Amino acid sequence: MSMGRNLIIASVVLNVFLAGALAGGAVWIRSGKSGQGYSLEAAGGRLPDQERMLFRKALREVRRESRQVILDGQQARREAADLLRQPVVDTAALSAALKRARNADIAVRTRLEQRIIEFAAAGSAADRAVLAEGLARRAGPQPKAEPKKSP
């Protein structure tokens, strides 16, 4: 009977653990931590269906056009990682690799932002309001004004 009782206890503990993991995962997903941030690009997901499809298509185009720049940035990051694994760090080479990666990221981001600007300029005021909300969320809450100190 002792063996059966131990199996039942182990089963109950395991089930409680699994139930907690499932509940925690559901809360995490519902709280918006599913990987999509609050940016102009992410805000496009909140546009009405037709505009959202056009928005995503425009961004896919930019990524397709920027494929080589993206690949160059990834290669630069791999080179930087390889340099960091060396017994002696070549700081000049590491700095150059990270600079190439950063420049690639900036180039792609600039292209994406320009396409978003073009989309917003051609869109309705309601669509721009959705994008503005995404940008405002990304910026975080507005800081409270500090009270002026009297002399």
C-alpha atoms as a PDB file:
ATOM      1  CA  MET A   1       0.000   0.000   0.000  1.00  0.00           C
ATOM      2  CA  SER A   2       2.932   2.342   0.666  1.00  0.00           C
ATOM      3  CA  MET A   3       4.083   2.110  -2.980  1.00  0.00           C
ATOM      4  CA  GLY A   4       0.589   2.931  -4.291  1.00  0.00           C
ATOM      5  CA  ARG A   5       0.270   5.853  -1.909  1.00  0.00           C
ATOM      6  CA  ASN A   6       3.639   7.269  -3.019  1.00  0.00           C
ATOM      7  CA  LEU A   7       2.584   7.020  -6.682  1.00  0.00           C
ATOM      8  CA  ILE A   8      -0.656   8.874  -5.970  1.00  0.00           C
ATOM      9  CA  ILE A   9       1.186  11.631  -4.101  1.00  0.00           C
ATOM     10  CA  ALA A  10       3.742  11.945  -6.917  1.00  0.00           C
ATOM     11  CA  SER A  11       0.938  12.092  -9.468  1.00  0.00           C
ATOM     12  CA  VAL A  12      -0.904  14.830  -7.539  1.00  0.00           C
ATOM     13  CA  VAL A  13       2.292  16.892  -7.162  1.00  0.00           C
ATOM     14  CA  LEU A  14       3.073  16.550 -10.873  1.00  0.00           C
ATOM     15  CA  ASN A  15      -0.464  17.513 -11.877  1.00  0.00           C
ATOM     16  CA  VAL A  16      -0.414  20.572  -9.618  1.00  0.00           C
ATOM     17  CA  PHE A  17       2.922  21.617 -11.136  1.00  0.00           C
ATOM     18  CA  LEU A  18       1.648  21.175 -14.698  1.00  0.00           C
ATOM     19  CA  ALA A  19      -1.570  23.054 -13.950  1.00  0.00           C
ATOM     20  CA  GLY A  20       0.457  25.938 -12.485  1.00  0.00           C
ATOM     21  CA  ALA A  21       2.729  26.010 -15.536  1.00  0.00           C
ATOM     22  CA  LEU A  22      -0.257  26.108 -17.898  1.00  0.00           C
ATOM     23  CA  ALA A  23      -1.980  28.854 -15.909  1.00  0.00           C
ATOM     24  CA  GLY A  24       1.236  30.886 -15.730  1.00  0.00           C
ATOM     25  CA  GLY A  25       1.779  30.539 -19.471  1.00  0.00           C
ATOM     26  CA  ALA A  26      -1.771  31.639 -20.204  1.00  0.00           C
ATOM     27  CA  VAL A  27      -1.397  34.718 -17.984  1.00  0.00           C
ATOM     28  CA  TRP A  28       1.952  35.557 -19.623  1.00  0.00           C
ATOM     29  CA  ILE A  29       0.473  35.342 -23.123  1.00  0.00           C
ATOM     30  CA  ARG A  30      -2.638  37.350 -22.211  1.00  0.00           C
ATOM     31  CA  SER A  31      -0.545  40.082 -20.588  1.00  0.00           C
ATOM     32  CA  GLY A  32       0.969  40.880 -23.968  1.00  0.00           C
ATOM     33  CA  LYS A  33       4.401  39.377 -23.389  1.00  0.00           C
ATOM     34  CA  SER A  34       4.092  37.221 -26.473  1.00  0.00           C
ATOM     35  CA  GLY A  35       6.947  38.961 -28.238  1.00  0.00           C
ATOM     36  CA  GLN A  36       5.102  41.801 -29.933  1.00  0.00           C
ATOM     37  CA  GLY A  37       6.219  45.129 -28.563  1.00  0.00           C
ATOM     38  CA  TYR A  38       4.540  48.495 -28.726  1.00  0.00           C
ATOM     39  CA  SER A  39       6.138  50.114 -31.731  1.00  0.00           C
ATOM     40  CA  LEU A  40       4.881  51.635 -34.933  1.00  0.00           C
ATOM     41  CA  GLU A  41       5.464  48.311 -36.635  1.00  0.00           C
ATOM     42  CA  ALA A  42       3.603  46.391 -33.931  1.00  0.00           C
ATOM     43  CA  ALA A  43       0.821  48.997 -33.879  1.00  0.00           C
ATOM     44  CA  GLY A  44       0.089  48.097 -37.488  1.00  0.00           C
ATOM     45  CA  GLY A  45      -1.384  44.861 -36.160  1.00  0.00           C
ATOM     46  CA  ARG A  46      -4.178  46.909 -34.634  1.00  0.00           C
ATOM     47  CA  LEU A  47      -5.224  48.492 -37.919  1.00  0.00           C
ATOM     48  CA  PRO A  48      -8.493  47.443 -39.596  1.00  0.00           C
ATOM     49  CA  ASP A  49      -8.156  44.256 -41.680  1.00  0.00           C
ATOM     50  CA  GLN A  50      -7.652  45.810 -45.122  1.00  0.00           C
ATOM     51  CA  GLU A  51      -5.180  48.434 -43.931  1.00  0.00           C
ATOM     52  CA  ARG A  52      -3.335  45.867 -41.811  1.00  0.00           C
ATOM     53  CA  MET A  53      -2.834  43.645 -44.864  1.00  0.00           C
ATOM     54  CA  LEU A  54      -1.497  46.601 -46.879  1.00  0.00           C
ATOM     55  CA  PHE A  55       0.724  47.668 -43.979  1.00  0.00           C
ATOM     56  CA  ARG A  56       2.230  44.216 -43.549  1.00  0.00           C
ATOM     57  CA  LYS A  57       2.716  43.854 -47.289  1.00  0.00           C
ATOM     58  CA  ALA A  58       4.623  47.141 -47.380  1.00  0.00           C
ATOM     59  CA  LEU A  59       6.882  46.039 -44.514  1.00  0.00           C
ATOM     60  CA  ARG A  60       7.499  42.638 -46.143  1.00  0.00           C
ATOM     61  CA  GLU A  61       8.571  44.482 -49.275  1.00  0.00           C
ATOM     62  CA  VAL A  62      11.086  46.516 -47.295  1.00  0.00           C
ATOM     63  CA  ARG A  63      12.478  43.376 -45.687  1.00  0.00           C
ATOM     64  CA  ARG A  64      12.722  41.646 -49.049  1.00  0.00           C
ATOM     65  CA  GLU A  65      14.481  44.657 -50.561  1.00  0.00           C
ATOM     66  CA  SER A  66      16.777  44.802 -47.515  1.00  0.00           C
ATOM     67  CA  ARG A  67      17.594  41.098 -47.456  1.00  0.00           C
ATOM     68  CA  GLN A  68      21.287  41.552 -48.223  1.00  0.00           C
ATOM     69  CA  VAL A  69      21.661  44.266 -45.585  1.00  0.00           C
ATOM     70  CA  ILE A  70      19.963  41.984 -43.038  1.00  0.00           C
ATOM     71  CA  LEU A  71      22.266  39.106 -43.963  1.00  0.00           C
ATOM     72  CA  ASP A  72      25.317  41.388 -43.701  1.00  0.00           C
ATOM     73  CA  GLY A  73      24.233  42.449 -40.212  1.00  0.00           C
ATOM     74  CA  GLN A  74      23.748  38.833 -39.137  1.00  0.00           C
ATOM     75  CA  GLN A  75      27.186  37.933 -40.491  1.00  0.00           C
ATOM     76  CA  ALA A  76      28.748  40.842 -38.614  1.00  0.00           C
ATOM     77  CA  ARG A  77      27.110  39.643 -35.364  1.00  0.00           C
ATOM     78  CA  ARG A  78      28.447  36.120 -35.960  1.00  0.00           C
ATOM     79  CA  GLU A  79      31.922  37.570 -36.520  1.00  0.00           C
ATOM     80  CA  ALA A  80      31.622  39.567 -33.308  1.00  0.00           C
ATOM     81  CA  ALA A  81      30.582  36.436 -31.424  1.00  0.00           C
ATOM     82  CA  ASP A  82      33.574  34.547 -32.857  1.00  0.00           C
ATOM     83  CA  LEU A  83      35.895  37.359 -31.810  1.00  0.00           C
ATOM     84  CA  LEU A  84      34.493  37.268 -28.275  1.00  0.00           C
ATOM     85  CA  ARG A  85      35.273  33.552 -28.056  1.00  0.00           C
ATOM     86  CA  GLN A  86      38.970  34.126 -28.769  1.00  0.00           C
ATOM     87  CA  PRO A  87      41.446  33.832 -25.862  1.00  0.00           C
ATOM     88  CA  VAL A  88      42.612  37.412 -26.543  1.00  0.00           C
ATOM     89  CA  VAL A  89      40.039  39.965 -27.651  1.00  0.00           C
ATOM     90  CA  ASP A  90      40.927  41.992 -30.734  1.00  0.00           C
ATOM     91  CA  THR A  91      39.059  45.113 -29.674  1.00  0.00           C
ATOM     92  CA  ALA A  92      39.510  46.893 -33.006  1.00  0.00           C
ATOM     93  CA  ALA A  93      38.088  43.962 -34.991  1.00  0.00           C
ATOM     94  CA  LEU A  94      35.284  43.488 -32.452  1.00  0.00           C
ATOM     95  CA  SER A  95      34.407  47.172 -32.616  1.00  0.00           C
ATOM     96  CA  ALA A  96      34.397  47.072 -36.431  1.00  0.00           C
ATOM     97  CA  ALA A  97      32.149  43.984 -36.529  1.00  0.00           C
ATOM     98  CA  LEU A  98      29.687  45.509 -34.066  1.00  0.00           C
ATOM     99  CA  LYS A  99      29.712  48.769 -36.036  1.00  0.00           C
ATOM    100  CA  ARG A 100      28.842  46.878 -39.241  1.00  0.00           C
ATOM    101  CA  ALA A 101      25.992  45.100 -37.426  1.00  0.00           C
ATOM    102  CA  ARG A 102      24.722  48.368 -35.959  1.00  0.00           C
ATOM    103  CA  ASN A 103      24.880  50.138 -39.339  1.00  0.00           C
ATOM    104  CA  ALA A 104      22.933  47.309 -40.966  1.00  0.00           C
ATOM    105  CA  ASP A 105      20.289  47.496 -38.223  1.00  0.00           C
ATOM    106  CA  ILE A 106      20.031  51.269 -38.629  1.00  0.00           C
ATOM    107  CA  ALA A 107      19.730  50.976 -42.414  1.00  0.00           C
ATOM    108  CA  VAL A 108      16.900  48.458 -42.192  1.00  0.00           C
ATOM    109  CA  ARG A 109      15.126  50.390 -39.445  1.00  0.00           C
ATOM    110  CA  THR A 110      15.405  53.609 -41.460  1.00  0.00           C
ATOM    111  CA  ARG A 111      13.884  51.905 -44.499  1.00  0.00           C
ATOM    112  CA  LEU A 112      11.052  50.448 -42.409  1.00  0.00           C
ATOM    113  CA  GLU A 113      10.320  53.786 -40.767  1.00  0.00           C
ATOM    114  CA  GLN A 114      10.300  55.548 -44.140  1.00  0.00           C
ATOM    115  CA  ARG A 115       7.790  53.027 -45.481  1.00  0.00           C
ATOM    116  CA  ILE A 116       5.636  53.498 -42.370  1.00  0.00           C
ATOM    117  CA  ILE A 117       5.768  57.278 -42.900  1.00  0.00           C
ATOM    118  CA  GLU A 118       4.621  56.821 -46.500  1.00  0.00           C
ATOM    119  CA  PHE A 119       1.827  54.498 -45.351  1.00  0.00           C
ATOM    120  CA  ALA A 120       0.715  56.959 -42.669  1.00  0.00           C
ATOM    121  CA  ALA A 121       0.778  59.923 -45.059  1.00  0.00           C
ATOM    122  CA  ALA A 122      -1.520  58.080 -47.475  1.00  0.00           C
ATOM    123  CA  GLY A 123      -3.802  56.733 -44.728  1.00  0.00           C
ATOM    124  CA  SER A 124      -6.782  58.058 -42.852  1.00  0.00           C
ATOM    125  CA  ALA A 125      -6.730  60.021 -39.621  1.00  0.00           C
ATOM    126  CA  ALA A 126      -8.143  56.964 -37.814  1.00  0.00           C
ATOM    127  CA  ASP A 127      -5.279  54.778 -39.074  1.00  0.00           C
ATOM    128  CA  ARG A 128      -2.743  57.395 -37.997  1.00  0.00           C
ATOM    129  CA  ALA A 129      -4.373  57.484 -34.555  1.00  0.00           C
ATOM    130  CA  VAL A 130      -3.835  53.709 -34.229  1.00  0.00           C
ATOM    131  CA  LEU A 131      -0.181  54.099 -35.201  1.00  0.00           C
ATOM    132  CA  ALA A 132       0.186  57.063 -32.815  1.00  0.00           C
ATOM    133  CA  GLU A 133      -1.158  54.946 -29.960  1.00  0.00           C
ATOM    134  CA  GLY A 134       1.489  52.318 -30.693  1.00  0.00           C
ATOM    135  CA  LEU A 135       4.220  54.929 -30.704  1.00  0.00           C
ATOM    136  CA  ALA A 136       2.949  56.472 -27.469  1.00  0.00           C
ATOM    137  CA  ARG A 137       2.955  53.063 -25.761  1.00  0.00           C
ATOM    138  CA  ARG A 138       6.513  52.455 -26.945  1.00  0.00           C
ATOM    139  CA  ALA A 139       7.560  55.800 -25.461  1.00  0.00           C
ATOM    140  CA  GLY A 140       6.163  54.776 -22.085  1.00  0.00           C
ATOM    141  CA  PRO A 141       4.125  56.841 -19.671  1.00  0.00           C
ATOM    142  CA  GLN A 142       4.645  60.573 -19.696  1.00  0.00           C
ATOM    143  CA  PRO A 143       6.891  61.616 -16.819  1.00  0.00           C
ATOM    144  CA  LYS A 144       5.196  63.639 -14.134  1.00  0.00           C
ATOM    145  CA  ALA A 145       6.290  67.231 -13.959  1.00  0.00           C
ATOM    146  CA  GLU A 146       8.388  67.907 -10.914  1.00  0.00           C
ATOM    147  CA  PRO A 147       6.917  70.578  -8.684  1.00  0.00           C
ATOM    148  CA  LYS A 148       8.844  73.809  -8.839  1.00  0.00           C
ATOM    149  CA  LYS A 149      10.872  74.445  -5.744  1.00  0.00           C
ATOM    150  CA  SER A 150      10.537  77.833  -4.212  1.00  0.00           C
ATOM    151  CA  PRO A 151      13.752  79.608  -3.203  1.00  0.00           C
END
